[in-house]
Amino acid sequence: MNLHRGSWTEGLKTTKYEDHSSTNEKTVKQMIKLSKDYNDRVQQEDGKTAEEMVVENVGKVDPKRHLENHVADLMASNIVQSLGTMLCTVVF
């Protein structure tokens, strides 16, 4: 059971600032694209019934769901990074 178990310090490790910054930049660019797609989808919904929208959007990427996932991931990584950085500056 303990073979692939991480230690308690795994949550305290921070990534390099350059890597974290580039990841944030890529995520924000994807969020911009998804927000434009979501805006287009909301404008297309005007005057259509729920059944028509379900049929029209079958097999397409749901920009709202992906946007929510990107926001949650971005906030979580930024919070962990900033807390880890502050902890390292105080302790060391």
PDB file of N, CA and C in Angstrom:
ATOM      1  N   MET A   1       0.817  -1.199   0.000  1.00  0.00           N
ATOM      2  CA  MET A   1       0.000   0.000   0.000  1.00  0.00           C
ATOM      3  C   MET A   1       0.866   1.271   0.000  1.00  0.00           C
ATOM      4  N   ASN A   2       2.039   1.208   0.557  1.00  0.00           N
ATOM      5  CA  ASN A   2       2.883   2.388   0.663  1.00  0.00           C
ATOM      6  C   ASN A   2       3.913   2.498  -0.454  1.00  0.00           C
ATOM      7  N   LEU A   3       3.832   1.652  -1.468  1.00  0.00           N
ATOM      8  CA  LEU A   3       4.846   1.609  -2.506  1.00  0.00           C
ATOM      9  C   LEU A   3       4.925   2.924  -3.290  1.00  0.00           C
ATOM     10  N   HIS A   4       3.810   3.433  -3.767  1.00  0.00           N
ATOM     11  CA  HIS A   4       3.809   4.656  -4.567  1.00  0.00           C
ATOM     12  C   HIS A   4       3.249   5.850  -3.799  1.00  0.00           C
ATOM     13  N   ARG A   5       3.276   5.775  -2.524  1.00  0.00           N
ATOM     14  CA  ARG A   5       2.729   6.828  -1.683  1.00  0.00           C
ATOM     15  C   ARG A   5       3.730   7.977  -1.585  1.00  0.00           C
ATOM     16  N   GLY A   6       3.229   9.202  -1.776  1.00  0.00           N
ATOM     17  CA  GLY A   6       4.088  10.375  -1.662  1.00  0.00           C
ATOM     18  C   GLY A   6       4.235  10.808  -0.220  1.00  0.00           C
ATOM     19  N   SER A   7       5.271  11.536   0.046  1.00  0.00           N
ATOM     20  CA  SER A   7       5.468  12.010   1.413  1.00  0.00           C
ATOM     21  C   SER A   7       4.638  13.270   1.645  1.00  0.00           C
ATOM     22  N   TRP A   8       4.565  13.708   2.872  1.00  0.00           N
ATOM     23  CA  TRP A   8       3.747  14.859   3.214  1.00  0.00           C
ATOM     24  C   TRP A   8       4.330  16.149   2.653  1.00  0.00           C
ATOM     25  N   THR A   9       5.591  16.134   2.247  1.00  0.00           N
ATOM     26  CA  THR A   9       6.220  17.342   1.720  1.00  0.00           C
ATOM     27  C   THR A   9       5.924  17.576   0.243  1.00  0.00           C
ATOM     28  N   GLU A  10       5.256  16.633  -0.427  1.00  0.00           N
ATOM     29  CA  GLU A  10       4.951  16.788  -1.850  1.00  0.00           C
ATOM     30  C   GLU A  10       4.088  18.026  -2.103  1.00  0.00           C
ATOM     31  N   GLY A  11       3.186  18.333  -1.200  1.00  0.00           N
ATOM     32  CA  GLY A  11       2.319  19.491  -1.368  1.00  0.00           C
ATOM     33  C   GLY A  11       3.027  20.817  -1.166  1.00  0.00           C
ATOM     34  N   LEU A  12       4.201  20.793  -0.577  1.00  0.00           N
ATOM     35  CA  LEU A  12       4.944  22.030  -0.311  1.00  0.00           C
ATOM     36  C   LEU A  12       5.926  22.387  -1.424  1.00  0.00           C
ATOM     37  N   LYS A  13       6.131  21.499  -2.362  1.00  0.00           N
ATOM     38  CA  LYS A  13       7.086  21.764  -3.434  1.00  0.00           C
ATOM     39  C   LYS A  13       6.483  22.729  -4.446  1.00  0.00           C
ATOM     40  N   THR A  14       7.280  23.697  -4.849  1.00  0.00           N
ATOM     41  CA  THR A  14       6.827  24.674  -5.839  1.00  0.00           C
ATOM     42  C   THR A  14       7.553  24.421  -7.163  1.00  0.00           C
ATOM     43  N   THR A  15       6.926  24.864  -8.234  1.00  0.00           N
ATOM     44  CA  THR A  15       7.555  24.737  -9.546  1.00  0.00           C
ATOM     45  C   THR A  15       8.417  25.962  -9.799  1.00  0.00           C
ATOM     46  N   LYS A  16       9.277  25.880 -10.803  1.00  0.00           N
ATOM     47  CA  LYS A  16      10.098  27.029 -11.149  1.00  0.00           C
ATOM     48  C   LYS A  16       9.193  28.155 -11.642  1.00  0.00           C
ATOM     49  N   TYR A  17       9.576  29.383 -11.346  1.00  0.00           N
ATOM     50  CA  TYR A  17       8.749  30.534 -11.685  1.00  0.00           C
ATOM     51  C   TYR A  17       8.508  30.625 -13.187  1.00  0.00           C
ATOM     52  N   GLU A  18       9.515  30.354 -13.987  1.00  0.00           N
ATOM     53  CA  GLU A  18       9.374  30.453 -15.446  1.00  0.00           C
ATOM     54  C   GLU A  18       8.364  29.433 -15.970  1.00  0.00           C
ATOM     55  N   ASP A  19       8.443  28.207 -15.437  1.00  0.00           N
ATOM     56  CA  ASP A  19       7.504  27.161 -15.854  1.00  0.00           C
ATOM     57  C   ASP A  19       6.074  27.513 -15.442  1.00  0.00           C
ATOM     58  N   HIS A  20       5.940  27.998 -14.214  1.00  0.00           N
ATOM     59  CA  HIS A  20       4.616  28.372 -13.710  1.00  0.00           C
ATOM     60  C   HIS A  20       4.039  29.531 -14.516  1.00  0.00           C
ATOM     61  N   SER A  21       4.873  30.487 -14.844  1.00  0.00           N
ATOM     62  CA  SER A  21       4.428  31.638 -15.623  1.00  0.00           C
ATOM     63  C   SER A  21       3.994  31.231 -17.026  1.00  0.00           C
ATOM     64  N   SER A  22       4.746  30.363 -17.663  1.00  0.00           N
ATOM     65  CA  SER A  22       4.373  29.932 -19.015  1.00  0.00           C
ATOM     66  C   SER A  22       3.086  29.099 -18.996  1.00  0.00           C
ATOM     67  N   THR A  23       2.906  28.286 -17.968  1.00  0.00           N
ATOM     68  CA  THR A  23       1.676  27.513 -17.833  1.00  0.00           C
ATOM     69  C   THR A  23       0.477  28.433 -17.637  1.00  0.00           C
ATOM     70  N   ASN A  24       0.655  29.468 -16.806  1.00  0.00           N
ATOM     71  CA  ASN A  24      -0.418  30.436 -16.601  1.00  0.00           C
ATOM     72  C   ASN A  24      -0.769  31.146 -17.907  1.00  0.00           C
ATOM     73  N   GLU A  25       0.233  31.507 -18.670  1.00  0.00           N
ATOM     74  CA  GLU A  25       0.000  32.208 -19.932  1.00  0.00           C
ATOM     75  C   GLU A  25      -0.776  31.335 -20.914  1.00  0.00           C
ATOM     76  N   LYS A  26      -0.398  30.065 -21.017  1.00  0.00           N
ATOM     77  CA  LYS A  26      -1.102  29.148 -21.920  1.00  0.00           C
ATOM     78  C   LYS A  26      -2.551  28.957 -21.472  1.00  0.00           C
ATOM     79  N   THR A  27      -2.759  28.823 -20.172  1.00  0.00           N
ATOM     80  CA  THR A  27      -4.104  28.617 -19.652  1.00  0.00           C
ATOM     81  C   THR A  27      -4.984  29.834 -19.898  1.00  0.00           C
ATOM     82  N   VAL A  28      -4.433  31.027 -19.716  1.00  0.00           N
ATOM     83  CA  VAL A  28      -5.211  32.246 -19.944  1.00  0.00           C
ATOM     84  C   VAL A  28      -5.558  32.392 -21.422  1.00  0.00           C
ATOM     85  N   LYS A  29      -4.646  32.034 -22.307  1.00  0.00           N
ATOM     86  CA  LYS A  29      -4.955  32.086 -23.744  1.00  0.00           C
ATOM     87  C   LYS A  29      -6.084  31.123 -24.089  1.00  0.00           C
ATOM     88  N   GLN A  30      -6.051  29.925 -23.507  1.00  0.00           N
ATOM     89  CA  GLN A  30      -7.126  28.973 -23.741  1.00  0.00           C
ATOM     90  C   GLN A  30      -8.443  29.487 -23.174  1.00  0.00           C
ATOM     91  N   MET A  31      -8.381  30.149 -22.017  1.00  0.00           N
ATOM     92  CA  MET A  31      -9.589  30.704 -21.408  1.00  0.00           C
ATOM     93  C   MET A  31     -10.183  31.809 -22.271  1.00  0.00           C
ATOM     94  N   ILE A  32      -9.352  32.606 -22.906  1.00  0.00           N
ATOM     95  CA  ILE A  32      -9.847  33.660 -23.796  1.00  0.00           C
ATOM     96  C   ILE A  32     -10.587  33.044 -24.973  1.00  0.00           C
ATOM     97  N   LYS A  33     -10.001  32.010 -25.555  1.00  0.00           N
ATOM     98  CA  LYS A  33     -10.654  31.330 -26.680  1.00  0.00           C
ATOM     99  C   LYS A  33     -11.971  30.707 -26.246  1.00  0.00           C
ATOM    100  N   LEU A  34     -11.980  30.045 -25.092  1.00  0.00           N
ATOM    101  CA  LEU A  34     -13.202  29.411 -24.602  1.00  0.00           C
ATOM    102  C   LEU A  34     -14.279  30.429 -24.259  1.00  0.00           C
ATOM    103  N   SER A  35     -13.885  31.582 -23.726  1.00  0.00           N
ATOM    104  CA  SER A  35     -14.890  32.600 -23.404  1.00  0.00           C
ATOM    105  C   SER A  35     -15.510  33.172 -24.674  1.00  0.00           C
ATOM    106  N   LYS A  36     -14.726  33.322 -25.739  1.00  0.00           N
ATOM    107  CA  LYS A  36     -15.288  33.765 -27.019  1.00  0.00           C
ATOM    108  C   LYS A  36     -16.249  32.719 -27.575  1.00  0.00           C
ATOM    109  N   ASP A  37     -15.862  31.448 -27.481  1.00  0.00           N
ATOM    110  CA  ASP A  37     -16.731  30.366 -27.943  1.00  0.00           C
ATOM    111  C   ASP A  37     -18.024  30.314 -27.131  1.00  0.00           C
ATOM    112  N   TYR A  38     -17.912  30.522 -25.831  1.00  0.00           N
ATOM    113  CA  TYR A  38     -19.099  30.501 -24.967  1.00  0.00           C
ATOM    114  C   TYR A  38     -20.014  31.672 -25.297  1.00  0.00           C
ATOM    115  N   ASN A  39     -19.437  32.831 -25.564  1.00  0.00           N
ATOM    116  CA  ASN A  39     -20.235  33.999 -25.937  1.00  0.00           C
ATOM    117  C   ASN A  39     -20.984  33.731 -27.247  1.00  0.00           C
ATOM    118  N   ASP A  40     -20.311  33.140 -28.217  1.00  0.00           N
ATOM    119  CA  ASP A  40     -20.964  32.790 -29.483  1.00  0.00           C
ATOM    120  C   ASP A  40     -22.100  31.794 -29.264  1.00  0.00           C
ATOM    121  N   ARG A  41     -21.870  30.814 -28.405  1.00  0.00           N
ATOM    122  CA  ARG A  41     -22.900  29.811 -28.144  1.00  0.00           C
ATOM    123  C   ARG A  41     -24.117  30.434 -27.463  1.00  0.00           C
ATOM    124  N   VAL A  42     -23.899  31.341 -26.540  1.00  0.00           N
ATOM    125  CA  VAL A  42     -25.019  32.003 -25.859  1.00  0.00           C
ATOM    126  C   VAL A  42     -25.808  32.848 -26.843  1.00  0.00           C
ATOM    127  N   GLN A  43     -25.137  33.521 -27.752  1.00  0.00           N
ATOM    128  CA  GLN A  43     -25.833  34.323 -28.749  1.00  0.00           C
ATOM    129  C   GLN A  43     -26.615  33.452 -29.720  1.00  0.00           C
ATOM    130  N   GLN A  44     -26.140  32.252 -30.017  1.00  0.00           N
ATOM    131  CA  GLN A  44     -26.842  31.344 -30.905  1.00  0.00           C
ATOM    132  C   GLN A  44     -28.101  30.767 -30.252  1.00  0.00           C
ATOM    133  N   GLU A  45     -28.135  30.715 -28.927  1.00  0.00           N
ATOM    134  CA  GLU A  45     -29.271  30.149 -28.205  1.00  0.00           C
ATOM    135  C   GLU A  45     -30.519  31.021 -28.299  1.00  0.00           C
ATOM    136  N   ASP A  46     -30.371  32.261 -28.641  1.00  0.00           N
ATOM    137  CA  ASP A  46     -31.493  33.193 -28.657  1.00  0.00           C
ATOM    138  C   ASP A  46     -32.572  32.714 -29.633  1.00  0.00           C
ATOM    139  N   GLY A  47     -33.756  32.464 -29.111  1.00  0.00           N
ATOM    140  CA  GLY A  47     -34.895  32.082 -29.940  1.00  0.00           C
ATOM    141  C   GLY A  47     -35.009  30.603 -30.229  1.00  0.00           C
ATOM    142  N   LYS A  48     -34.161  29.780 -29.649  1.00  0.00           N
ATOM    143  CA  LYS A  48     -34.215  28.340 -29.891  1.00  0.00           C
ATOM    144  C   LYS A  48     -34.711  27.639 -28.641  1.00  0.00           C
ATOM    145  N   THR A  49     -35.349  26.520 -28.843  1.00  0.00           N
ATOM    146  CA  THR A  49     -35.817  25.735 -27.708  1.00  0.00           C
ATOM    147  C   THR A  49     -34.664  24.914 -27.140  1.00  0.00           C
ATOM    148  N   ALA A  50     -34.900  24.348 -25.960  1.00  0.00           N
ATOM    149  CA  ALA A  50     -33.867  23.541 -25.307  1.00  0.00           C
ATOM    150  C   ALA A  50     -33.557  22.291 -26.127  1.00  0.00           C
ATOM    151  N   GLU A  51     -34.578  21.704 -26.732  1.00  0.00           N
ATOM    152  CA  GLU A  51     -34.360  20.496 -27.535  1.00  0.00           C
ATOM    153  C   GLU A  51     -33.528  20.806 -28.777  1.00  0.00           C
ATOM    154  N   GLU A  52     -33.787  21.935 -29.407  1.00  0.00           N
ATOM    155  CA  GLU A  52     -33.002  22.325 -30.583  1.00  0.00           C
ATOM    156  C   GLU A  52     -31.543  22.557 -30.216  1.00  0.00           C
ATOM    157  N   MET A  53     -31.309  23.138 -29.059  1.00  0.00           N
ATOM    158  CA  MET A  53     -29.933  23.392 -28.623  1.00  0.00           C
ATOM    159  C   MET A  53     -29.201  22.079 -28.316  1.00  0.00           C
ATOM    160  N   VAL A  54     -29.922  21.134 -27.702  1.00  0.00           N
ATOM    161  CA  VAL A  54     -29.303  19.845 -27.395  1.00  0.00           C
ATOM    162  C   VAL A  54     -28.902  19.134 -28.681  1.00  0.00           C
ATOM    163  N   VAL A  55     -29.790  19.140 -29.664  1.00  0.00           N
ATOM    164  CA  VAL A  55     -29.506  18.474 -30.936  1.00  0.00           C
ATOM    165  C   VAL A  55     -28.366  19.174 -31.669  1.00  0.00           C
ATOM    166  N   GLU A  56     -28.346  20.503 -31.626  1.00  0.00           N
ATOM    167  CA  GLU A  56     -27.326  21.264 -32.341  1.00  0.00           C
ATOM    168  C   GLU A  56     -25.935  21.096 -31.745  1.00  0.00           C
ATOM    169  N   ASN A  57     -25.851  20.900 -30.427  1.00  0.00           N
ATOM    170  CA  ASN A  57     -24.556  20.871 -29.749  1.00  0.00           C
ATOM    171  C   ASN A  57     -24.036  19.471 -29.476  1.00  0.00           C
ATOM    172  N   VAL A  58     -24.658  18.454 -30.063  1.00  0.00           N
ATOM    173  CA  VAL A  58     -24.191  17.076 -29.867  1.00  0.00           C
ATOM    174  C   VAL A  58     -22.813  16.917 -30.502  1.00  0.00           C
ATOM    175  N   GLY A  59     -21.885  16.398 -29.721  1.00  0.00           N
ATOM    176  CA  GLY A  59     -20.541  16.129 -30.230  1.00  0.00           C
ATOM    177  C   GLY A  59     -19.614  17.328 -30.212  1.00  0.00           C
ATOM    178  N   LYS A  60     -20.096  18.480 -29.774  1.00  0.00           N
ATOM    179  CA  LYS A  60     -19.253  19.674 -29.725  1.00  0.00           C
ATOM    180  C   LYS A  60     -18.683  19.842 -28.319  1.00  0.00           C
ATOM    181  N   VAL A  61     -17.598  20.566 -28.243  1.00  0.00           N
ATOM    182  CA  VAL A  61     -16.961  20.861 -26.965  1.00  0.00           C
ATOM    183  C   VAL A  61     -17.819  21.868 -26.214  1.00  0.00           C
ATOM    184  N   ASP A  62     -18.053  21.593 -24.924  1.00  0.00           N
ATOM    185  CA  ASP A  62     -18.824  22.510 -24.095  1.00  0.00           C
ATOM    186  C   ASP A  62     -17.874  23.561 -23.523  1.00  0.00           C
ATOM    187  N   PRO A  63     -17.889  24.793 -24.072  1.00  0.00           N
ATOM    188  CA  PRO A  63     -16.924  25.793 -23.617  1.00  0.00           C
ATOM    189  C   PRO A  63     -17.143  26.224 -22.169  1.00  0.00           C
ATOM    190  N   LYS A  64     -18.364  26.191 -21.684  1.00  0.00           N
ATOM    191  CA  LYS A  64     -18.626  26.611 -20.306  1.00  0.00           C
ATOM    192  C   LYS A  64     -17.954  25.662 -19.316  1.00  0.00           C
ATOM    193  N   ARG A  65     -18.107  24.368 -19.549  1.00  0.00           N
ATOM    194  CA  ARG A  65     -17.516  23.380 -18.649  1.00  0.00           C
ATOM    195  C   ARG A  65     -15.995  23.456 -18.673  1.00  0.00           C
ATOM    196  N   HIS A  66     -15.419  23.568 -19.871  1.00  0.00           N
ATOM    197  CA  HIS A  66     -13.964  23.654 -19.981  1.00  0.00           C
ATOM    198  C   HIS A  66     -13.439  24.951 -19.369  1.00  0.00           C
ATOM    199  N   LEU A  67     -14.187  26.031 -19.517  1.00  0.00           N
ATOM    200  CA  LEU A  67     -13.785  27.300 -18.924  1.00  0.00           C
ATOM    201  C   LEU A  67     -13.785  27.199 -17.400  1.00  0.00           C
ATOM    202  N   GLU A  68     -14.802  26.573 -16.840  1.00  0.00           N
ATOM    203  CA  GLU A  68     -14.855  26.378 -15.390  1.00  0.00           C
ATOM    204  C   GLU A  68     -13.674  25.529 -14.904  1.00  0.00           C
ATOM    205  N   ASN A  69     -13.340  24.487 -15.648  1.00  0.00           N
ATOM    206  CA  ASN A  69     -12.209  23.627 -15.264  1.00  0.00           C
ATOM    207  C   ASN A  69     -10.885  24.392 -15.309  1.00  0.00           C
ATOM    208  N   HIS A  70     -10.694  25.200 -16.357  1.00  0.00           N
ATOM    209  CA  HIS A  70      -9.458  25.981 -16.473  1.00  0.00           C
ATOM    210  C   HIS A  70      -9.343  27.003 -15.346  1.00  0.00           C
ATOM    211  N   VAL A  71     -10.451  27.647 -15.007  1.00  0.00           N
ATOM    212  CA  VAL A  71     -10.425  28.636 -13.920  1.00  0.00           C
ATOM    213  C   VAL A  71     -10.064  27.952 -12.603  1.00  0.00           C
ATOM    214  N   ALA A  72     -10.673  26.810 -12.323  1.00  0.00           N
ATOM    215  CA  ALA A  72     -10.387  26.098 -11.082  1.00  0.00           C
ATOM    216  C   ALA A  72      -8.931  25.643 -11.024  1.00  0.00           C
ATOM    217  N   ASP A  73      -8.412  25.108 -12.124  1.00  0.00           N
ATOM    218  CA  ASP A  73      -7.023  24.661 -12.155  1.00  0.00           C
ATOM    219  C   ASP A  73      -6.051  25.823 -11.995  1.00  0.00           C
ATOM    220  N   LEU A  74      -6.347  26.939 -12.667  1.00  0.00           N
ATOM    221  CA  LEU A  74      -5.476  28.105 -12.594  1.00  0.00           C
ATOM    222  C   LEU A  74      -5.434  28.677 -11.179  1.00  0.00           C
ATOM    223  N   MET A  75      -6.593  28.799 -10.570  1.00  0.00           N
ATOM    224  CA  MET A  75      -6.633  29.324  -9.204  1.00  0.00           C
ATOM    225  C   MET A  75      -5.925  28.394  -8.235  1.00  0.00           C
ATOM    226  N   ALA A  76      -6.135  27.103  -8.364  1.00  0.00           N
ATOM    227  CA  ALA A  76      -5.503  26.152  -7.456  1.00  0.00           C
ATOM    228  C   ALA A  76      -3.986  26.181  -7.587  1.00  0.00           C
ATOM    229  N   SER A  77      -3.489  26.198  -8.813  1.00  0.00           N
ATOM    230  CA  SER A  77      -2.030  26.202  -8.987  1.00  0.00           C
ATOM    231  C   SER A  77      -1.418  27.508  -8.499  1.00  0.00           C
ATOM    232  N   ASN A  78      -2.099  28.627  -8.728  1.00  0.00           N
ATOM    233  CA  ASN A  78      -1.570  29.908  -8.264  1.00  0.00           C
ATOM    234  C   ASN A  78      -1.594  30.011  -6.741  1.00  0.00           C
ATOM    235  N   ILE A  79      -2.629  29.488  -6.122  1.00  0.00           N
ATOM    236  CA  ILE A  79      -2.699  29.524  -4.656  1.00  0.00           C
ATOM    237  C   ILE A  79      -1.605  28.655  -4.047  1.00  0.00           C
ATOM    238  N   VAL A  80      -1.422  27.463  -4.570  1.00  0.00           N
ATOM    239  CA  VAL A  80      -0.378  26.563  -4.052  1.00  0.00           C
ATOM    240  C   VAL A  80       0.998  27.183  -4.255  1.00  0.00           C
ATOM    241  N   GLN A  81       1.220  27.774  -5.425  1.00  0.00           N
ATOM    242  CA  GLN A  81       2.522  28.380  -5.718  1.00  0.00           C
ATOM    243  C   GLN A  81       2.799  29.559  -4.778  1.00  0.00           C
ATOM    244  N   SER A  82       1.818  30.430  -4.578  1.00  0.00           N
ATOM    245  CA  SER A  82       2.052  31.595  -3.732  1.00  0.00           C
ATOM    246  C   SER A  82       2.204  31.197  -2.267  1.00  0.00           C
ATOM    247  N   LEU A  83       1.403  30.242  -1.797  1.00  0.00           N
ATOM    248  CA  LEU A  83       1.549  29.799  -0.411  1.00  0.00           C
ATOM    249  C   LEU A  83       2.890  29.097  -0.183  1.00  0.00           C
ATOM    250  N   GLY A  84       3.302  28.292  -1.135  1.00  0.00           N
ATOM    251  CA  GLY A  84       4.603  27.631  -1.014  1.00  0.00           C
ATOM    252  C   GLY A  84       5.749  28.618  -1.020  1.00  0.00           C
ATOM    253  N   THR A  85       5.640  29.654  -1.863  1.00  0.00           N
ATOM    254  CA  THR A  85       6.682  30.678  -1.921  1.00  0.00           C
ATOM    255  C   THR A  85       6.738  31.463  -0.613  1.00  0.00           C
ATOM    256  N   MET A  86       5.574  31.841  -0.093  1.00  0.00           N
ATOM    257  CA  MET A  86       5.551  32.584   1.172  1.00  0.00           C
ATOM    258  C   MET A  86       6.084  31.739   2.313  1.00  0.00           C
ATOM    259  N   LEU A  87       5.743  30.458   2.317  1.00  0.00           N
ATOM    260  CA  LEU A  87       6.228  29.572   3.369  1.00  0.00           C
ATOM    261  C   LEU A  87       7.744  29.432   3.293  1.00  0.00           C
ATOM    262  N   CYS A  88       8.276  29.326   2.105  1.00  0.00           N
ATOM    263  CA  CYS A  88       9.728  29.199   1.957  1.00  0.00           C
ATOM    264  C   CYS A  88      10.444  30.471   2.393  1.00  0.00           C
ATOM    265  N   THR A  89       9.858  31.631   2.111  1.00  0.00           N
ATOM    266  CA  THR A  89      10.518  32.880   2.512  1.00  0.00           C
ATOM    267  C   THR A  89      10.484  33.071   4.013  1.00  0.00           C
ATOM    268  N   VAL A  90       9.431  32.618   4.681  1.00  0.00           N
ATOM    269  CA  VAL A  90       9.336  32.771   6.126  1.00  0.00           C
ATOM    270  C   VAL A  90      10.212  31.763   6.851  1.00  0.00           C
ATOM    271  N   VAL A  91      10.211  30.524   6.386  1.00  0.00           N
ATOM    272  CA  VAL A  91      10.939  29.461   7.075  1.00  0.00           C
ATOM    273  C   VAL A  91      12.428  29.557   6.802  1.00  0.00           C
ATOM    274  N   PHE A  92      12.804  29.790   5.563  1.00  0.00           N
ATOM    275  CA  PHE A  92      14.221  29.788   5.224  1.00  0.00           C
ATOM    276  C   PHE A  92      14.698  31.193   5.117  1.00  0.00           C
TER     277      PHE A  92
END
